[in-house]
Amino acid sequence: MARSLRHGHRAELSHNAHTLANDTDPPMSRTAHDATASSTATAGQAAAVRVYVGGVRPLPESGRLSGIYKQPVHGPLQLGAQGFEGDQQADLRVHGGPDKAVHLYPARHYARLAGQFPSAAELLQPGSIGENLSTWQIDESQVRIGDVWRLGQALLQPCQPRNPCWKIDERFGCSGMAAFIAEQHIAGWYLRVLRPGLVEPADELRLVEASAAPSLQQALQTWHAPRPDPGQLQELAAMPGIADNWRHKILQRIDRLREQEAG
C-alpha cells in the first residue's frame, strides 16, 4: 500500500494539527507534567484532560473509512456505555464497543513519535492519533487494569491497551509508525464506562479506586516478553476488570507456551 500523503491531504492535516496544538496546551507546564509520571497513581490523584470526538472520514491513499480524525470538544458532552456522544468508528469489528468505549493517549508520547518520524512531526499533536482523551499527566506507568477513574459525572475503568493498526501509518504517511508504537508500549489504553454521565470541558480525570494489579506498563512488558512465565501471564488474565478479548488472548498464549514445554 502506498504510504505517502497526497499534497492536498497533507496541507489539510497540517492545518488541523496546528489548530490542535494551539487548542490543547494544558495549564500546567510540560516539565511539571513530566515530573508526575514516576509511580502508579493513588486514590485522589487527578489529571487535566482534553476531550476529542469525530466522525468517519476516508484515509488519504486507500480511501478506506476511519474514525481516527478527531476534533477538540469545547462544550458539555454525554458519555455513555458506547463512548462519547457524536464519536464514530468505521470498522466495528475491531473498534468501538463497551470495552473500547474511550481511548486515552498520553500526550507525552508524541515527542517520541516525532523524533522517530520527523517527516510527520508537524502532524503529531494531541488528538491526532484518534484518541478521545489526551493528558500530559499520566501514562502507562501510572494506570492499572481495574482502576476506577471519575470524569465529570461518569466513571471509567482501564480494561486493555490499544492495539495500533496500519491506519496510523497511512494517516501520517509513515510506514512503521504503528509497529513502533506497539513495540515501545506507547499505544495508550481503552476504558469502559462503568457509569454514564455528563462531561464538562474543565472536568479532571480523577482516580477514585486503585486496582491491586501491576501497572499497565508492567503488564505490557510481561505480555510482550519473548518467553514469559506462564504463571505471570495467568496473573494478568486474572486481573479484575480486564477486557474479555485480552484475557482470551493471554489464555491462548499460556496454552501455546505449555504445549511447547510439553513437546
Foldseek 3Di string as FASTA:
>chain_A
DALAFDPVLVVVLLVQLVVQQVVPDDPDDLVVLVVQADAADDAFDWFQKWFWAADWFAFRPPGQIAQQQIDTDAWKWWADQFATPRHDGRDPVQATDQLQRFFEAEQVCLVVLCVVPVVQNSNSGPSRRRGGMYTSRYFQRHADAPWWKDAAPWIKGWAFFDQFDPSSSNNRSHPPSSVVCLVVVRRTTGIGIPGIDMHGNRTIIGTRGGFPGHGSVVVSCQVPPPQHDLVVLVVVLPGPNHDPVVSVVSVVVSVVNVVVVVD
